[in-house]
Amino acid sequence: MPHAKPKQGSRSPGETVGAAPDVDFSAPAATEAGETGARGHPAAPERDLRRPVIRA
């Protein structure tokens, strides 16, 4: 497995970007979260894979 070493005096990606965000372990369970739904753009119609795609 190849190993990469930073240049002398440079910082690691973790030091550059920062630490991981705190995790909220007191969040409600999924069953208590309430109603969920999908939002956004509608999915594209299914494509018939038996027919080739012809683009102009």
PDB file of N, CA and C in Angstrom:
ATOM      1  N   MET A   1       0.840  -1.161   0.000  1.00  0.00           N
ATOM      2  CA  MET A   1       0.000   0.000   0.000  1.00  0.00           C
ATOM      3  C   MET A   1       0.897   1.240   0.000  1.00  0.00           C
ATOM      4  N   PRO A   2       0.654   2.177  -0.900  1.00  0.00           N
ATOM      5  CA  PRO A   2       1.484   3.386  -0.923  1.00  0.00           C
ATOM      6  C   PRO A   2       1.172   4.293   0.268  1.00  0.00           C
ATOM      7  N   HIS A   3       2.170   4.959   0.730  1.00  0.00           N
ATOM      8  CA  HIS A   3       2.016   5.913   1.828  1.00  0.00           C
ATOM      9  C   HIS A   3       2.438   7.292   1.343  1.00  0.00           C
ATOM     10  N   ALA A   4       1.703   8.291   1.749  1.00  0.00           N
ATOM     11  CA  ALA A   4       2.024   9.669   1.378  1.00  0.00           C
ATOM     12  C   ALA A   4       2.434  10.423   2.631  1.00  0.00           C
ATOM     13  N   LYS A   5       3.504  11.150   2.519  1.00  0.00           N
ATOM     14  CA  LYS A   5       3.973  11.961   3.642  1.00  0.00           C
ATOM     15  C   LYS A   5       3.860  13.432   3.254  1.00  0.00           C
ATOM     16  N   PRO A   6       3.383  14.279   4.168  1.00  0.00           N
ATOM     17  CA  PRO A   6       3.290  15.711   3.847  1.00  0.00           C
ATOM     18  C   PRO A   6       4.686  16.324   3.756  1.00  0.00           C
ATOM     19  N   LYS A   7       4.760  17.445   3.062  1.00  0.00           N
ATOM     20  CA  LYS A   7       6.020  18.180   2.979  1.00  0.00           C
ATOM     21  C   LYS A   7       6.429  18.628   4.374  1.00  0.00           C
ATOM     22  N   GLN A   8       7.692  18.855   4.547  1.00  0.00           N
ATOM     23  CA  GLN A   8       8.212  19.302   5.833  1.00  0.00           C
ATOM     24  C   GLN A   8       7.528  20.609   6.238  1.00  0.00           C
ATOM     25  N   GLY A   9       6.944  20.635   7.405  1.00  0.00           N
ATOM     26  CA  GLY A   9       6.314  21.849   7.902  1.00  0.00           C
ATOM     27  C   GLY A   9       4.869  22.044   7.459  1.00  0.00           C
ATOM     28  N   SER A  10       4.349  21.207   6.561  1.00  0.00           N
ATOM     29  CA  SER A  10       2.956  21.383   6.129  1.00  0.00           C
ATOM     30  C   SER A  10       2.023  20.626   7.076  1.00  0.00           C
ATOM     31  N   ARG A  11       0.766  20.993   7.030  1.00  0.00           N
ATOM     32  CA  ARG A  11      -0.206  20.394   7.932  1.00  0.00           C
ATOM     33  C   ARG A  11      -0.965  19.263   7.233  1.00  0.00           C
ATOM     34  N   SER A  12      -1.496  18.344   8.013  1.00  0.00           N
ATOM     35  CA  SER A  12      -2.291  17.246   7.473  1.00  0.00           C
ATOM     36  C   SER A  12      -3.658  17.784   7.049  1.00  0.00           C
ATOM     37  N   PRO A  13      -4.404  17.020   6.225  1.00  0.00           N
ATOM     38  CA  PRO A  13      -5.755  17.473   5.853  1.00  0.00           C
ATOM     39  C   PRO A  13      -6.648  17.688   7.066  1.00  0.00           C
ATOM     40  N   GLY A  14      -6.529  16.844   8.094  1.00  0.00           N
ATOM     41  CA  GLY A  14      -7.334  17.017   9.290  1.00  0.00           C
ATOM     42  C   GLY A  14      -7.026  18.317  10.001  1.00  0.00           C
ATOM     43  N   GLU A  15      -5.760  18.703  10.021  1.00  0.00           N
ATOM     44  CA  GLU A  15      -5.381  19.960  10.652  1.00  0.00           C
ATOM     45  C   GLU A  15      -5.789  21.154   9.792  1.00  0.00           C
ATOM     46  N   THR A  16      -5.790  20.967   8.474  1.00  0.00           N
ATOM     47  CA  THR A  16      -6.143  22.055   7.570  1.00  0.00           C
ATOM     48  C   THR A  16      -7.636  22.334   7.600  1.00  0.00           C
ATOM     49  N   VAL A  17      -8.446  21.292   7.528  1.00  0.00           N
ATOM     50  CA  VAL A  17      -9.894  21.429   7.442  1.00  0.00           C
ATOM     51  C   VAL A  17     -10.514  21.623   8.820  1.00  0.00           C
ATOM     52  N   GLY A  18     -10.006  20.931   9.793  1.00  0.00           N
ATOM     53  CA  GLY A  18     -10.549  21.031  11.140  1.00  0.00           C
ATOM     54  C   GLY A  18     -11.042  19.685  11.624  1.00  0.00           C
ATOM     55  N   ALA A  19     -11.549  19.668  12.807  1.00  0.00           N
ATOM     56  CA  ALA A  19     -12.010  18.431  13.415  1.00  0.00           C
ATOM     57  C   ALA A  19     -13.419  18.101  12.947  1.00  0.00           C
ATOM     58  N   ALA A  20     -13.829  16.902  13.241  1.00  0.00           N
ATOM     59  CA  ALA A  20     -15.179  16.466  12.888  1.00  0.00           C
ATOM     60  C   ALA A  20     -16.201  17.232  13.727  1.00  0.00           C
ATOM     61  N   PRO A  21     -17.396  17.459  13.191  1.00  0.00           N
ATOM     62  CA  PRO A  21     -18.413  18.162  13.968  1.00  0.00           C
ATOM     63  C   PRO A  21     -18.906  17.296  15.126  1.00  0.00           C
ATOM     64  N   ASP A  22     -19.435  17.939  16.131  1.00  0.00           N
ATOM     65  CA  ASP A  22     -19.982  17.214  17.280  1.00  0.00           C
ATOM     66  C   ASP A  22     -21.214  16.419  16.862  1.00  0.00           C
ATOM     67  N   VAL A  23     -21.396  15.279  17.495  1.00  0.00           N
ATOM     68  CA  VAL A  23     -22.544  14.420  17.220  1.00  0.00           C
ATOM     69  C   VAL A  23     -23.557  14.614  18.334  1.00  0.00           C
ATOM     70  N   ASP A  24     -24.821  14.832  17.961  1.00  0.00           N
ATOM     71  CA  ASP A  24     -25.886  15.033  18.939  1.00  0.00           C
ATOM     72  C   ASP A  24     -26.523  13.684  19.241  1.00  0.00           C
ATOM     73  N   PHE A  25     -26.091  13.049  20.324  1.00  0.00           N
ATOM     74  CA  PHE A  25     -26.626  11.738  20.686  1.00  0.00           C
ATOM     75  C   PHE A  25     -27.993  11.849  21.353  1.00  0.00           C
ATOM     76  N   SER A  26     -28.455  13.061  21.627  1.00  0.00           N
ATOM     77  CA  SER A  26     -29.772  13.222  22.241  1.00  0.00           C
ATOM     78  C   SER A  26     -30.856  13.455  21.190  1.00  0.00           C
ATOM     79  N   ALA A  27     -30.546  13.246  19.922  1.00  0.00           N
ATOM     80  CA  ALA A  27     -31.538  13.416  18.852  1.00  0.00           C
ATOM     81  C   ALA A  27     -32.645  12.380  19.011  1.00  0.00           C
ATOM     82  N   PRO A  28     -33.861  12.704  18.565  1.00  0.00           N
ATOM     83  CA  PRO A  28     -34.967  11.745  18.718  1.00  0.00           C
ATOM     84  C   PRO A  28     -34.771  10.526  17.825  1.00  0.00           C
ATOM     85  N   ALA A  29     -35.393   9.433  18.223  1.00  0.00           N
ATOM     86  CA  ALA A  29     -35.355   8.214  17.418  1.00  0.00           C
ATOM     87  C   ALA A  29     -36.111   8.451  16.109  1.00  0.00           C
ATOM     88  N   ALA A  30     -35.827   7.656  15.115  1.00  0.00           N
ATOM     89  CA  ALA A  30     -36.477   7.820  13.816  1.00  0.00           C
ATOM     90  C   ALA A  30     -37.991   7.688  13.924  1.00  0.00           C
ATOM     91  N   THR A  31     -38.453   6.839  14.816  1.00  0.00           N
ATOM     92  CA  THR A  31     -39.900   6.658  14.976  1.00  0.00           C
ATOM     93  C   THR A  31     -40.556   7.883  15.598  1.00  0.00           C
ATOM     94  N   GLU A  32     -39.784   8.737  16.258  1.00  0.00           N
ATOM     95  CA  GLU A  32     -40.322   9.933  16.898  1.00  0.00           C
ATOM     96  C   GLU A  32     -40.085  11.195  16.066  1.00  0.00           C
ATOM     97  N   ALA A  33     -39.471  11.052  14.929  1.00  0.00           N
ATOM     98  CA  ALA A  33     -39.082  12.221  14.139  1.00  0.00           C
ATOM     99  C   ALA A  33     -40.254  12.885  13.433  1.00  0.00           C
ATOM    100  N   GLY A  34     -41.359  12.210  13.306  1.00  0.00           N
ATOM    101  CA  GLY A  34     -42.504  12.805  12.637  1.00  0.00           C
ATOM    102  C   GLY A  34     -42.582  12.392  11.179  1.00  0.00           C
ATOM    103  N   GLU A  35     -43.340  13.181  10.424  1.00  0.00           N
ATOM    104  CA  GLU A  35     -43.580  12.847   9.025  1.00  0.00           C
ATOM    105  C   GLU A  35     -42.372  13.209   8.164  1.00  0.00           C
ATOM    106  N   THR A  36     -42.066  12.339   7.228  1.00  0.00           N
ATOM    107  CA  THR A  36     -41.001  12.607   6.276  1.00  0.00           C
ATOM    108  C   THR A  36     -41.558  12.474   4.872  1.00  0.00           C
ATOM    109  N   GLY A  37     -40.866  13.039   3.919  1.00  0.00           N
ATOM    110  CA  GLY A  37     -41.322  12.949   2.535  1.00  0.00           C
ATOM    111  C   GLY A  37     -40.198  13.300   1.586  1.00  0.00           C
ATOM    112  N   ALA A  38     -40.437  13.023   0.336  1.00  0.00           N
ATOM    113  CA  ALA A  38     -39.454  13.338  -0.699  1.00  0.00           C
ATOM    114  C   ALA A  38     -39.832  14.652  -1.352  1.00  0.00           C
ATOM    115  N   ARG A  39     -38.840  15.509  -1.540  1.00  0.00           N
ATOM    116  CA  ARG A  39     -39.063  16.784  -2.199  1.00  0.00           C
ATOM    117  C   ARG A  39     -37.988  16.981  -3.250  1.00  0.00           C
ATOM    118  N   GLY A  40     -38.271  17.815  -4.222  1.00  0.00           N
ATOM    119  CA  GLY A  40     -37.271  18.132  -5.226  1.00  0.00           C
ATOM    120  C   GLY A  40     -37.803  17.855  -6.622  1.00  0.00           C
ATOM    121  N   HIS A  41     -36.884  17.691  -7.544  1.00  0.00           N
ATOM    122  CA  HIS A  41     -37.268  17.455  -8.924  1.00  0.00           C
ATOM    123  C   HIS A  41     -37.820  16.047  -9.089  1.00  0.00           C
ATOM    124  N   PRO A  42     -38.804  15.877  -9.958  1.00  0.00           N
ATOM    125  CA  PRO A  42     -39.319  14.525 -10.170  1.00  0.00           C
ATOM    126  C   PRO A  42     -38.285  13.667 -10.877  1.00  0.00           C
ATOM    127  N   ALA A  43     -38.357  12.390 -10.650  1.00  0.00           N
ATOM    128  CA  ALA A  43     -37.424  11.470 -11.289  1.00  0.00           C
ATOM    129  C   ALA A  43     -37.685  11.423 -12.789  1.00  0.00           C
ATOM    130  N   ALA A  44     -36.651  11.164 -13.540  1.00  0.00           N
ATOM    131  CA  ALA A  44     -36.799  11.030 -14.991  1.00  0.00           C
ATOM    132  C   ALA A  44     -37.581   9.765 -15.293  1.00  0.00           C
ATOM    133  N   PRO A  45     -38.304   9.754 -16.402  1.00  0.00           N
ATOM    134  CA  PRO A  45     -39.050   8.539 -16.732  1.00  0.00           C
ATOM    135  C   PRO A  45     -38.086   7.382 -16.984  1.00  0.00           C
ATOM    136  N   GLU A  46     -38.560   6.185 -16.715  1.00  0.00           N
ATOM    137  CA  GLU A  46     -37.725   5.016 -16.944  1.00  0.00           C
ATOM    138  C   GLU A  46     -37.391   4.898 -18.419  1.00  0.00           C
ATOM    139  N   ARG A  47     -36.203   4.405 -18.688  1.00  0.00           N
ATOM    140  CA  ARG A  47     -35.746   4.273 -20.070  1.00  0.00           C
ATOM    141  C   ARG A  47     -35.826   2.811 -20.474  1.00  0.00           C
ATOM    142  N   ASP A  48     -36.265   2.574 -21.719  1.00  0.00           N
ATOM    143  CA  ASP A  48     -36.329   1.217 -22.245  1.00  0.00           C
ATOM    144  C   ASP A  48     -34.920   0.817 -22.659  1.00  0.00           C
ATOM    145  N   LEU A  49     -34.296  -0.052 -21.884  1.00  0.00           N
ATOM    146  CA  LEU A  49     -32.907  -0.423 -22.131  1.00  0.00           C
ATOM    147  C   LEU A  49     -32.742  -1.327 -23.346  1.00  0.00           C
ATOM    148  N   ARG A  50     -33.844  -1.776 -23.916  1.00  0.00           N
ATOM    149  CA  ARG A  50     -33.749  -2.611 -25.123  1.00  0.00           C
ATOM    150  C   ARG A  50     -33.509  -1.764 -26.364  1.00  0.00           C
ATOM    151  N   ARG A  51     -33.790  -0.466 -26.276  1.00  0.00           N
ATOM    152  CA  ARG A  51     -33.610   0.427 -27.419  1.00  0.00           C
ATOM    153  C   ARG A  51     -32.361   1.272 -27.222  1.00  0.00           C
ATOM    154  N   PRO A  52     -31.533   1.428 -28.240  1.00  0.00           N
ATOM    155  CA  PRO A  52     -30.329   2.246 -28.083  1.00  0.00           C
ATOM    156  C   PRO A  52     -30.690   3.729 -27.987  1.00  0.00           C
ATOM    157  N   VAL A  53     -29.841   4.475 -27.349  1.00  0.00           N
ATOM    158  CA  VAL A  53     -30.026   5.930 -27.230  1.00  0.00           C
ATOM    159  C   VAL A  53     -29.380   6.571 -28.446  1.00  0.00           C
ATOM    160  N   ILE A  54     -30.147   7.325 -29.199  1.00  0.00           N
ATOM    161  CA  ILE A  54     -29.628   8.009 -30.386  1.00  0.00           C
ATOM    162  C   ILE A  54     -29.683   9.496 -30.098  1.00  0.00           C
ATOM    163  N   ARG A  55     -28.531  10.130 -30.095  1.00  0.00           N
ATOM    164  CA  ARG A  55     -28.460  11.566 -29.823  1.00  0.00           C
ATOM    165  C   ARG A  55     -28.013  12.273 -31.070  1.00  0.00           C
ATOM    166  N   ALA A  56     -28.645  13.412 -31.326  1.00  0.00           N
ATOM    167  CA  ALA A  56     -28.315  14.169 -32.538  1.00  0.00           C
ATOM    168  C   ALA A  56     -27.122  15.055 -32.313  1.00  0.00           C
TER     169      ALA A  56
END
